[in-house]
């Protein structure tokens, strides 16, 4: 299997631009940590989902 290199990014901003331009459907969106206009939110999904689902042992 051949891997095709799409760009030669030297900065984190260049990597973010690559994410934006390489998404055909627009689902891949870059978010920079520390950006006050578009903050990155982190969630405790395990605790949240525990309210909605019953854990099953040995899965």
N, C-alpha and C. Protein backbone atom coordinates (compact mmCIF):
# COMPACT_ATOMS: atom_id res chain seq x y z
N UNK A 1 0.84 -1.17 0.00
CA UNK A 1 0.00 0.00 0.00
C UNK A 1 0.89 1.24 0.00
N UNK A 2 0.64 2.12 -0.91
CA UNK A 2 1.45 3.33 -1.03
C UNK A 2 0.80 4.48 -0.26
N UNK A 3 1.60 5.19 0.51
CA UNK A 3 1.11 6.34 1.26
C UNK A 3 1.51 7.59 0.49
N UNK A 4 0.54 8.44 0.24
CA UNK A 4 0.78 9.65 -0.52
C UNK A 4 0.90 10.83 0.44
N UNK A 5 1.99 11.58 0.35
CA UNK A 5 2.19 12.76 1.19
C UNK A 5 1.53 13.94 0.51
N UNK A 6 0.57 14.57 1.23
CA UNK A 6 -0.19 15.67 0.65
C UNK A 6 0.50 17.01 0.81
N UNK A 7 1.25 17.18 1.86
CA UNK A 7 1.95 18.44 2.06
C UNK A 7 3.13 18.23 2.98
N UNK A 8 4.00 19.21 3.02
CA UNK A 8 5.16 19.18 3.89
C UNK A 8 4.96 20.28 4.94
N UNK A 9 4.24 19.97 6.00
CA UNK A 9 3.91 20.96 7.03
C UNK A 9 5.08 21.12 7.99
N UNK A 10 5.44 22.36 8.23
CA UNK A 10 6.52 22.66 9.17
C UNK A 10 6.04 23.34 10.43
N UNK A 11 4.77 23.76 10.46
CA UNK A 11 4.21 24.41 11.64
C UNK A 11 2.87 23.79 11.97
N UNK A 12 2.41 24.01 13.19
CA UNK A 12 1.10 23.49 13.59
C UNK A 12 0.00 24.16 12.80
N UNK A 13 0.20 25.40 12.42
CA UNK A 13 -0.78 26.10 11.59
C UNK A 13 -0.89 25.45 10.21
N UNK A 14 0.23 25.00 9.66
CA UNK A 14 0.22 24.31 8.37
C UNK A 14 -0.51 22.98 8.46
N UNK A 15 -0.35 22.29 9.57
CA UNK A 15 -1.08 21.03 9.77
C UNK A 15 -2.58 21.31 9.86
N UNK A 16 -2.96 22.36 10.59
CA UNK A 16 -4.37 22.73 10.71
C UNK A 16 -4.95 23.08 9.35
N UNK A 17 -4.21 23.78 8.53
CA UNK A 17 -4.68 24.13 7.19
C UNK A 17 -4.86 22.88 6.33
N UNK A 18 -3.98 21.91 6.49
CA UNK A 18 -4.09 20.66 5.74
C UNK A 18 -5.36 19.91 6.13
N UNK A 19 -5.69 19.91 7.42
CA UNK A 19 -6.93 19.25 7.87
C UNK A 19 -8.13 19.90 7.20
N UNK A 20 -8.14 21.22 7.15
CA UNK A 20 -9.27 21.94 6.55
C UNK A 20 -9.40 21.67 5.06
N UNK A 21 -8.30 21.71 4.36
CA UNK A 21 -8.36 21.58 2.90
C UNK A 21 -8.51 20.15 2.42
N UNK A 22 -8.20 19.17 3.25
CA UNK A 22 -8.26 17.77 2.81
C UNK A 22 -9.60 17.11 3.07
N UNK A 23 -10.51 17.78 3.73
CA UNK A 23 -11.81 17.21 4.02
C UNK A 23 -12.77 17.50 2.88
N UNK A 24 -13.15 16.48 2.14
CA UNK A 24 -14.08 16.67 1.01
C UNK A 24 -15.47 17.06 1.48
N UNK A 25 -15.92 16.47 2.59
CA UNK A 25 -17.28 16.72 3.06
C UNK A 25 -17.36 17.83 4.10
N UNK A 26 -16.22 18.30 4.57
CA UNK A 26 -16.22 19.36 5.58
C UNK A 26 -16.38 18.85 7.00
N UNK A 27 -16.32 17.53 7.20
CA UNK A 27 -16.46 16.99 8.54
C UNK A 27 -15.21 17.16 9.39
N UNK A 28 -14.05 17.13 8.77
CA UNK A 28 -12.81 17.32 9.51
C UNK A 28 -12.58 18.82 9.71
N UNK A 29 -12.56 19.23 10.96
CA UNK A 29 -12.35 20.64 11.27
C UNK A 29 -11.22 20.75 12.27
N UNK A 30 -10.32 21.68 12.03
CA UNK A 30 -9.21 21.87 12.96
C UNK A 30 -9.63 22.81 14.07
N UNK A 31 -9.13 22.57 15.25
CA UNK A 31 -9.34 23.46 16.39
C UNK A 31 -8.00 23.60 17.09
N UNK A 32 -7.55 24.81 17.23
CA UNK A 32 -6.27 25.07 17.86
C UNK A 32 -6.46 25.25 19.36
N UNK A 33 -5.67 24.56 20.15
CA UNK A 33 -5.69 24.73 21.60
C UNK A 33 -5.24 26.15 21.92
N UNK A 34 -5.96 26.84 22.79
CA UNK A 34 -5.61 28.20 23.17
C UNK A 34 -6.30 29.27 22.34
N UNK A 35 -7.09 28.88 21.34
CA UNK A 35 -7.82 29.84 20.52
C UNK A 35 -9.05 30.30 21.31
N UNK A 36 -9.09 31.58 21.70
CA UNK A 36 -10.18 32.08 22.52
C UNK A 36 -11.48 32.24 21.75
N UNK A 37 -11.41 32.38 20.43
CA UNK A 37 -12.61 32.52 19.62
C UNK A 37 -13.30 31.17 19.39
N UNK A 38 -12.54 30.10 19.27
CA UNK A 38 -13.08 28.76 19.06
C UNK A 38 -12.42 27.81 20.07
N UNK A 39 -12.84 27.87 21.33
CA UNK A 39 -12.18 27.04 22.34
C UNK A 39 -12.47 25.55 22.14
N UNK A 40 -11.54 24.73 22.56
CA UNK A 40 -11.69 23.28 22.51
C UNK A 40 -12.28 22.83 23.84
N UNK A 41 -13.42 22.15 23.78
CA UNK A 41 -14.09 21.68 24.99
C UNK A 41 -13.79 20.20 25.18
N UNK A 42 -13.44 19.83 26.38
CA UNK A 42 -13.18 18.44 26.72
C UNK A 42 -14.28 17.95 27.65
N UNK A 43 -14.72 16.73 27.45
CA UNK A 43 -15.82 16.18 28.22
C UNK A 43 -15.43 14.86 28.86
N UNK A 44 -16.03 14.57 29.99
CA UNK A 44 -15.86 13.28 30.65
C UNK A 44 -16.98 12.36 30.16
N UNK A 45 -16.75 11.74 29.00
CA UNK A 45 -17.79 10.94 28.36
C UNK A 45 -18.17 9.71 29.17
N UNK A 46 -17.22 9.13 29.89
CA UNK A 46 -17.53 7.92 30.66
C UNK A 46 -18.58 8.23 31.73
N UNK A 47 -18.42 9.34 32.44
CA UNK A 47 -19.39 9.72 33.46
C UNK A 47 -20.73 10.08 32.83
N UNK A 48 -20.72 10.83 31.75
CA UNK A 48 -21.95 11.24 31.08
C UNK A 48 -22.73 10.02 30.57
N UNK A 49 -22.05 9.12 29.89
CA UNK A 49 -22.73 7.95 29.32
C UNK A 49 -23.18 6.97 30.38
N UNK A 50 -22.55 6.97 31.55
CA UNK A 50 -22.97 6.09 32.64
C UNK A 50 -24.37 6.44 33.12
N UNK A 51 -24.80 7.68 32.90
CA UNK A 51 -26.15 8.07 33.27
C UNK A 51 -27.20 7.51 32.31
N UNK A 52 -26.78 7.14 31.12
CA UNK A 52 -27.70 6.71 30.08
C UNK A 52 -27.67 5.21 29.80
N UNK A 53 -26.57 4.55 30.19
CA UNK A 53 -26.39 3.14 29.86
C UNK A 53 -26.01 2.35 31.10
N UNK A 54 -26.34 1.08 31.08
CA UNK A 54 -25.94 0.17 32.16
C UNK A 54 -24.68 -0.57 31.70
N UNK A 55 -23.62 -0.53 32.48
CA UNK A 55 -22.40 -1.23 32.07
C UNK A 55 -22.59 -2.75 32.12
N UNK A 56 -22.03 -3.44 31.15
CA UNK A 56 -22.08 -4.90 31.09
C UNK A 56 -20.69 -5.44 31.36
N UNK A 57 -20.61 -6.42 32.24
CA UNK A 57 -19.32 -7.01 32.59
C UNK A 57 -18.86 -7.99 31.52
N UNK A 58 -17.56 -8.16 31.43
CA UNK A 58 -16.90 -9.14 30.57
C UNK A 58 -17.18 -8.94 29.08
N UNK A 59 -17.27 -7.70 28.66
CA UNK A 59 -17.43 -7.45 27.22
C UNK A 59 -16.10 -7.00 26.68
